Amino acid sequence: MTAAALAVPGCATYPDGETARQLGEKMVSEAYPGMPEALVKRAVQDRPQALCTKIGKASLTREEAAEVVALSRASLRYPASGKLVGDWQAGARLAYSGTGSRIRGGRVEKAKENGALCSNCHMLDPGEINAGNLGPSLAAYGTQRGGSEELAKYAYERIYNAWAFVPCSTMPRLGAGHHLTPEQIADVVAYLIDPQSPVNRRR
């Protein structure tokens, strides 16, 4: 009995979820002293990200999911020109490019433009041998859905911030995360829906 009683004070205690989160955030923010601001900002979660990274297997409540969607919709920005469909050839280059935002030697990679690297997760050009399969196939996207303004707007917003449609989706928030510009996203939209794009090539 005495031994058991003595052992109790030495038992490990664990913080609650919120305290654990705060400790974790503090550890991450202090882990890279002297790093460029662009890198440090990546360690700071915005409100939607914080909601989507609950500890353990906790699920979003209905209210939290609605908040993620509302904040994500509020983040949407559009090209100054108002055109949501750009140059499909520029979009093709972006869809297969993984440049930009990479960290090399403690510095953010300098690149002329960041790539979207859509091909990592999606089938795009049906003639492409190596295609991602983590996300749905986008082959024949425009052929199957048409090229309406409504489709262009949907595709644009989905690429800009997928969480406006599916809270905590695994798809990167390419526009909201400032990885792609609105004009670049319009080019990717063109790659998906332009009849001349290889995505819509008939075979």
C-alpha atoms as a PDB file:
ATOM      1  CA  MET A   1       0.000   0.000   0.000  1.00  0.00           C
ATOM      2  CA  THR A   2       2.796   2.384   0.941  1.00  0.00           C
ATOM      3  CA  ALA A   3       4.661   1.718  -2.292  1.00  0.00           C
ATOM      4  CA  ALA A   4       1.507   2.239  -4.318  1.00  0.00           C
ATOM      5  CA  ALA A   5       0.753   5.478  -2.481  1.00  0.00           C
ATOM      6  CA  LEU A   6       4.269   6.750  -3.092  1.00  0.00           C
ATOM      7  CA  ALA A   7       4.007   5.949  -6.768  1.00  0.00           C
ATOM      8  CA  VAL A   8       0.957   8.151  -7.358  1.00  0.00           C
ATOM      9  CA  PRO A   9       2.700  11.549  -7.116  1.00  0.00           C
ATOM     10  CA  GLY A  10       5.211  10.383  -9.710  1.00  0.00           C
ATOM     11  CA  CYS A  11       2.596   9.402 -12.302  1.00  0.00           C
ATOM     12  CA  ALA A  12       2.791  11.321 -15.551  1.00  0.00           C
ATOM     13  CA  THR A  13       0.048  13.862 -16.106  1.00  0.00           C
ATOM     14  CA  TYR A  14      -0.993  15.069 -19.527  1.00  0.00           C
ATOM     15  CA  PRO A  15      -2.355  18.505 -20.442  1.00  0.00           C
ATOM     16  CA  ASP A  16      -5.848  18.924 -21.829  1.00  0.00           C
ATOM     17  CA  GLY A  17      -6.301  19.394 -25.564  1.00  0.00           C
ATOM     18  CA  GLU A  18      -6.213  23.187 -25.606  1.00  0.00           C
ATOM     19  CA  THR A  19      -3.110  23.357 -23.408  1.00  0.00           C
ATOM     20  CA  ALA A  20      -1.405  20.753 -25.594  1.00  0.00           C
ATOM     21  CA  ARG A  21      -2.226  22.837 -28.668  1.00  0.00           C
ATOM     22  CA  GLN A  22      -0.779  25.978 -27.106  1.00  0.00           C
ATOM     23  CA  LEU A  23       2.398  24.145 -26.097  1.00  0.00           C
ATOM     24  CA  GLY A  24       2.734  22.693 -29.573  1.00  0.00           C
ATOM     25  CA  GLU A  25       2.223  26.065 -31.275  1.00  0.00           C
ATOM     26  CA  LYS A  26       4.834  27.608 -28.984  1.00  0.00           C
ATOM     27  CA  MET A  27       7.356  24.859 -29.728  1.00  0.00           C
ATOM     28  CA  VAL A  28       6.900  25.268 -33.470  1.00  0.00           C
ATOM     29  CA  SER A  29       7.108  29.070 -33.402  1.00  0.00           C
ATOM     30  CA  GLU A  30      10.339  28.956 -31.369  1.00  0.00           C
ATOM     31  CA  ALA A  31      11.946  26.081 -33.246  1.00  0.00           C
ATOM     32  CA  TYR A  32      13.502  28.156 -36.021  1.00  0.00           C
ATOM     33  CA  PRO A  33      15.032  31.337 -34.561  1.00  0.00           C
ATOM     34  CA  GLY A  34      16.343  33.803 -37.108  1.00  0.00           C
ATOM     35  CA  MET A  35      14.378  32.322 -39.993  1.00  0.00           C
ATOM     36  CA  PRO A  36      12.984  34.582 -42.743  1.00  0.00           C
ATOM     37  CA  GLU A  37       9.520  35.979 -42.034  1.00  0.00           C
ATOM     38  CA  ALA A  38       8.063  34.019 -44.960  1.00  0.00           C
ATOM     39  CA  LEU A  39       9.034  30.787 -43.225  1.00  0.00           C
ATOM     40  CA  VAL A  40       7.922  31.846 -39.754  1.00  0.00           C
ATOM     41  CA  LYS A  41       4.453  32.741 -41.063  1.00  0.00           C
ATOM     42  CA  ARG A  42       3.936  29.158 -42.169  1.00  0.00           C
ATOM     43  CA  ALA A  43       4.001  28.045 -38.543  1.00  0.00           C
ATOM     44  CA  VAL A  44       1.121  30.341 -37.594  1.00  0.00           C
ATOM     45  CA  GLN A  45      -2.293  28.824 -38.187  1.00  0.00           C
ATOM     46  CA  ASP A  46      -5.202  30.962 -39.277  1.00  0.00           C
ATOM     47  CA  ARG A  47      -8.598  30.380 -37.712  1.00  0.00           C
ATOM     48  CA  PRO A  48      -9.864  27.816 -40.293  1.00  0.00           C
ATOM     49  CA  GLN A  49      -6.635  25.818 -40.016  1.00  0.00           C
ATOM     50  CA  ALA A  50      -6.831  25.820 -36.231  1.00  0.00           C
ATOM     51  CA  LEU A  51     -10.381  24.504 -36.423  1.00  0.00           C
ATOM     52  CA  CYS A  52      -9.306  21.803 -38.875  1.00  0.00           C
ATOM     53  CA  THR A  53      -6.408  20.534 -36.773  1.00  0.00           C
ATOM     54  CA  LYS A  54      -8.162  19.251 -33.721  1.00  0.00           C
ATOM     55  CA  ILE A  55      -6.178  16.947 -31.495  1.00  0.00           C
ATOM     56  CA  GLY A  56      -6.958  13.259 -31.669  1.00  0.00           C
ATOM     57  CA  LYS A  57     -10.007  12.035 -33.550  1.00  0.00           C
ATOM     58  CA  ALA A  58     -12.276  14.920 -32.642  1.00  0.00           C
ATOM     59  CA  SER A  59     -14.595  15.949 -35.458  1.00  0.00           C
ATOM     60  CA  LEU A  60     -15.761  19.403 -36.420  1.00  0.00           C
ATOM     61  CA  THR A  61     -19.054  20.416 -34.918  1.00  0.00           C
ATOM     62  CA  ARG A  62     -21.724  21.700 -37.287  1.00  0.00           C
ATOM     63  CA  GLU A  63     -21.061  25.232 -36.053  1.00  0.00           C
ATOM     64  CA  GLU A  64     -17.307  24.894 -36.607  1.00  0.00           C
ATOM     65  CA  ALA A  65     -17.792  23.519 -40.114  1.00  0.00           C
ATOM     66  CA  ALA A  66     -20.064  26.443 -40.929  1.00  0.00           C
ATOM     67  CA  GLU A  67     -17.427  28.849 -39.593  1.00  0.00           C
ATOM     68  CA  VAL A  68     -14.719  27.273 -41.770  1.00  0.00           C
ATOM     69  CA  VAL A  69     -16.934  27.624 -44.852  1.00  0.00           C
ATOM     70  CA  ALA A  70     -17.883  31.225 -44.021  1.00  0.00           C
ATOM     71  CA  LEU A  71     -14.274  32.289 -43.402  1.00  0.00           C
ATOM     72  CA  SER A  72     -13.135  30.483 -46.544  1.00  0.00           C
ATOM     73  CA  ARG A  73     -15.777  32.171 -48.668  1.00  0.00           C
ATOM     74  CA  ALA A  74     -14.737  35.521 -47.206  1.00  0.00           C
ATOM     75  CA  SER A  75     -11.145  34.828 -48.300  1.00  0.00           C
ATOM     76  CA  LEU A  76     -12.030  34.579 -52.007  1.00  0.00           C
ATOM     77  CA  ARG A  77     -10.422  37.167 -54.269  1.00  0.00           C
ATOM     78  CA  TYR A  78     -10.770  37.529 -58.030  1.00  0.00           C
ATOM     79  CA  PRO A  79      -8.587  38.846 -60.876  1.00  0.00           C
ATOM     80  CA  ALA A  80      -8.643  42.631 -61.261  1.00  0.00           C
ATOM     81  CA  SER A  81      -9.731  42.125 -64.867  1.00  0.00           C
ATOM     82  CA  GLY A  82     -12.800  40.178 -63.780  1.00  0.00           C
ATOM     83  CA  LYS A  83     -11.838  37.357 -66.146  1.00  0.00           C
ATOM     84  CA  LEU A  84     -11.985  33.953 -64.463  1.00  0.00           C
ATOM     85  CA  VAL A  85     -10.750  32.091 -67.562  1.00  0.00           C
ATOM     86  CA  GLY A  86      -7.226  32.950 -68.625  1.00  0.00           C
ATOM     87  CA  ASP A  87      -4.633  31.360 -70.906  1.00  0.00           C
ATOM     88  CA  TRP A  88      -4.873  27.557 -70.989  1.00  0.00           C
ATOM     89  CA  GLN A  89      -1.278  27.158 -72.145  1.00  0.00           C
ATOM     90  CA  ALA A  90      -0.028  29.099 -69.133  1.00  0.00           C
ATOM     91  CA  GLY A  91      -2.394  27.012 -67.013  1.00  0.00           C
ATOM     92  CA  ALA A  92      -0.908  23.812 -68.408  1.00  0.00           C
ATOM     93  CA  ARG A  93       2.559  24.924 -67.355  1.00  0.00           C
ATOM     94  CA  LEU A  94       1.332  25.728 -63.863  1.00  0.00           C
ATOM     95  CA  ALA A  95      -0.588  22.450 -63.516  1.00  0.00           C
ATOM     96  CA  TYR A  96       2.597  20.413 -63.932  1.00  0.00           C
ATOM     97  CA  SER A  97       5.013  22.711 -62.106  1.00  0.00           C
ATOM     98  CA  GLY A  98       6.037  22.209 -58.480  1.00  0.00           C
ATOM     99  CA  THR A  99       8.274  25.263 -58.181  1.00  0.00           C
ATOM    100  CA  GLY A 100       7.946  27.914 -55.516  1.00  0.00           C
ATOM    101  CA  SER A 101       7.442  27.984 -51.743  1.00  0.00           C
ATOM    102  CA  ARG A 102      10.005  25.235 -51.200  1.00  0.00           C
ATOM    103  CA  ILE A 103      12.584  25.651 -48.454  1.00  0.00           C
ATOM    104  CA  ARG A 104      16.195  25.147 -49.434  1.00  0.00           C
ATOM    105  CA  GLY A 105      19.060  25.821 -47.055  1.00  0.00           C
ATOM    106  CA  GLY A 106      16.799  27.710 -44.681  1.00  0.00           C
ATOM    107  CA  ARG A 107      15.515  30.016 -47.407  1.00  0.00           C
ATOM    108  CA  VAL A 108      12.360  30.115 -49.467  1.00  0.00           C
ATOM    109  CA  GLU A 109      13.156  29.077 -53.019  1.00  0.00           C
ATOM    110  CA  LYS A 110      13.301  31.981 -55.430  1.00  0.00           C
ATOM    111  CA  ALA A 111      11.149  31.248 -58.442  1.00  0.00           C
ATOM    112  CA  LYS A 112       9.697  33.388 -61.211  1.00  0.00           C
ATOM    113  CA  GLU A 113       6.285  31.966 -60.409  1.00  0.00           C
ATOM    114  CA  ASN A 114       4.912  29.294 -58.123  1.00  0.00           C
ATOM    115  CA  GLY A 115       3.468  26.207 -59.714  1.00  0.00           C
ATOM    116  CA  ALA A 116       0.120  24.602 -58.895  1.00  0.00           C
ATOM    117  CA  LEU A 117       1.260  20.972 -59.365  1.00  0.00           C
ATOM    118  CA  CYS A 118      -2.335  19.791 -59.900  1.00  0.00           C
ATOM    119  CA  SER A 119      -0.954  16.662 -61.586  1.00  0.00           C
ATOM    120  CA  ASN A 120       0.290  15.395 -58.238  1.00  0.00           C
ATOM    121  CA  CYS A 121      -3.267  14.565 -57.204  1.00  0.00           C
ATOM    122  CA  HIS A 122      -5.380  14.627 -60.379  1.00  0.00           C
ATOM    123  CA  MET A 123      -5.532  13.060 -63.810  1.00  0.00           C
ATOM    124  CA  LEU A 124      -5.575  16.001 -66.237  1.00  0.00           C
ATOM    125  CA  ASP A 125      -4.439  15.349 -69.798  1.00  0.00           C
ATOM    126  CA  PRO A 126      -5.852  11.892 -70.654  1.00  0.00           C
ATOM    127  CA  GLY A 127      -2.706  11.257 -72.678  1.00  0.00           C
ATOM    128  CA  GLU A 128      -0.444  11.671 -69.651  1.00  0.00           C
ATOM    129  CA  ILE A 129       1.037   8.392 -68.410  1.00  0.00           C
ATOM    130  CA  ASN A 130       1.951   9.586 -64.911  1.00  0.00           C
ATOM    131  CA  ALA A 131      -1.132  10.977 -63.217  1.00  0.00           C
ATOM    132  CA  GLY A 132      -2.110  11.586 -59.624  1.00  0.00           C
ATOM    133  CA  ASN A 133      -4.939   9.600 -58.104  1.00  0.00           C
ATOM    134  CA  LEU A 134      -5.374  11.198 -54.676  1.00  0.00           C
ATOM    135  CA  GLY A 135      -8.099  13.456 -56.048  1.00  0.00           C
ATOM    136  CA  PRO A 136     -10.781  12.867 -58.678  1.00  0.00           C
ATOM    137  CA  SER A 137      -9.874  12.667 -62.348  1.00  0.00           C
ATOM    138  CA  LEU A 138     -10.277  15.998 -64.142  1.00  0.00           C
ATOM    139  CA  ALA A 139      -9.791  14.559 -67.622  1.00  0.00           C
ATOM    140  CA  ALA A 140     -12.458  15.885 -70.005  1.00  0.00           C
ATOM    141  CA  TYR A 141     -13.513  18.364 -67.315  1.00  0.00           C
ATOM    142  CA  GLY A 142     -14.778  20.973 -69.770  1.00  0.00           C
ATOM    143  CA  THR A 143     -16.097  18.458 -72.279  1.00  0.00           C
ATOM    144  CA  GLN A 144     -18.308  16.812 -69.677  1.00  0.00           C
ATOM    145  CA  ARG A 145     -19.429  19.977 -67.896  1.00  0.00           C
ATOM    146  CA  GLY A 146     -19.398  22.642 -70.587  1.00  0.00           C
ATOM    147  CA  GLY A 147     -17.752  26.041 -70.434  1.00  0.00           C
ATOM    148  CA  SER A 148     -20.386  28.166 -68.700  1.00  0.00           C
ATOM    149  CA  GLU A 149     -19.611  31.178 -66.534  1.00  0.00           C
ATOM    150  CA  GLU A 150     -21.059  29.267 -63.591  1.00  0.00           C
ATOM    151  CA  LEU A 151     -18.593  26.412 -64.128  1.00  0.00           C
ATOM    152  CA  ALA A 152     -15.668  28.816 -64.486  1.00  0.00           C
ATOM    153  CA  LYS A 153     -16.631  30.539 -61.228  1.00  0.00           C
ATOM    154  CA  TYR A 154     -17.028  27.222 -59.420  1.00  0.00           C
ATOM    155  CA  ALA A 155     -13.682  25.905 -60.673  1.00  0.00           C
ATOM    156  CA  TYR A 156     -11.957  29.195 -59.824  1.00  0.00           C
ATOM    157  CA  GLU A 157     -13.305  29.296 -56.285  1.00  0.00           C
ATOM    158  CA  ARG A 158     -12.604  25.618 -55.709  1.00  0.00           C
ATOM    159  CA  ILE A 159      -8.961  26.125 -56.684  1.00  0.00           C
ATOM    160  CA  TYR A 160      -8.660  29.382 -54.750  1.00  0.00           C
ATOM    161  CA  ASN A 161      -9.972  27.895 -51.515  1.00  0.00           C
ATOM    162  CA  ALA A 162     -11.492  24.415 -51.557  1.00  0.00           C
ATOM    163  CA  TRP A 163     -12.555  24.799 -47.929  1.00  0.00           C
ATOM    164  CA  ALA A 164     -15.319  27.145 -49.112  1.00  0.00           C
ATOM    165  CA  PHE A 165     -16.995  23.965 -50.366  1.00  0.00           C
ATOM    166  CA  VAL A 166     -15.546  21.120 -48.292  1.00  0.00           C
ATOM    167  CA  PRO A 167     -14.376  22.158 -44.820  1.00  0.00           C
ATOM    168  CA  CYS A 168     -10.849  20.933 -44.062  1.00  0.00           C
ATOM    169  CA  SER A 169     -10.437  19.356 -47.499  1.00  0.00           C
ATOM    170  CA  THR A 170      -6.960  17.967 -48.201  1.00  0.00           C
ATOM    171  CA  MET A 171      -6.768  20.132 -51.321  1.00  0.00           C
ATOM    172  CA  PRO A 172      -4.328  23.028 -50.834  1.00  0.00           C
ATOM    173  CA  ARG A 173      -5.816  26.494 -50.430  1.00  0.00           C
ATOM    174  CA  LEU A 174      -3.806  27.779 -53.370  1.00  0.00           C
ATOM    175  CA  GLY A 175      -5.234  31.286 -53.516  1.00  0.00           C
ATOM    176  CA  ALA A 176      -6.086  31.854 -49.874  1.00  0.00           C
ATOM    177  CA  GLY A 177      -2.602  30.641 -48.956  1.00  0.00           C
ATOM    178  CA  HIS A 178      -1.066  33.187 -51.382  1.00  0.00           C
ATOM    179  CA  HIS A 179       0.665  30.439 -53.325  1.00  0.00           C
ATOM    180  CA  LEU A 180      -0.998  31.358 -56.626  1.00  0.00           C
ATOM    181  CA  THR A 181      -2.235  34.753 -57.800  1.00  0.00           C
ATOM    182  CA  PRO A 182      -5.826  35.211 -59.001  1.00  0.00           C
ATOM    183  CA  GLU A 183      -4.499  35.523 -62.550  1.00  0.00           C
ATOM    184  CA  GLN A 184      -2.625  32.224 -62.269  1.00  0.00           C
ATOM    185  CA  ILE A 185      -5.737  30.501 -60.980  1.00  0.00           C
ATOM    186  CA  ALA A 186      -7.682  31.855 -63.958  1.00  0.00           C
ATOM    187  CA  ASP A 187      -5.052  30.257 -66.206  1.00  0.00           C
ATOM    188  CA  VAL A 188      -5.506  26.906 -64.459  1.00  0.00           C
ATOM    189  CA  VAL A 189      -9.275  27.246 -64.907  1.00  0.00           C
ATOM    190  CA  ALA A 190      -8.698  27.763 -68.633  1.00  0.00           C
ATOM    191  CA  TYR A 191      -6.593  24.604 -68.748  1.00  0.00           C
ATOM    192  CA  LEU A 192      -9.534  22.705 -67.276  1.00  0.00           C
ATOM    193  CA  ILE A 193     -12.361  24.057 -69.421  1.00  0.00           C
ATOM    194  CA  ASP A 194     -10.952  25.474 -72.676  1.00  0.00           C
ATOM    195  CA  PRO A 195     -11.990  23.267 -75.620  1.00  0.00           C
ATOM    196  CA  GLN A 196      -8.438  23.552 -77.024  1.00  0.00           C
ATOM    197  CA  SER A 197      -6.835  22.285 -73.824  1.00  0.00           C
ATOM    198  CA  PRO A 198      -5.380  18.737 -73.817  1.00  0.00           C
ATOM    199  CA  VAL A 199      -7.612  18.083 -70.790  1.00  0.00           C
ATOM    200  CA  ASN A 200     -10.586  18.111 -73.158  1.00  0.00           C
ATOM    201  CA  ARG A 201      -8.893  16.219 -75.968  1.00  0.00           C
ATOM    202  CA  ARG A 202     -11.143  13.537 -77.421  1.00  0.00           C
ATOM    203  CA  ARG A 203      -9.584  10.087 -77.835  1.00  0.00           C
END
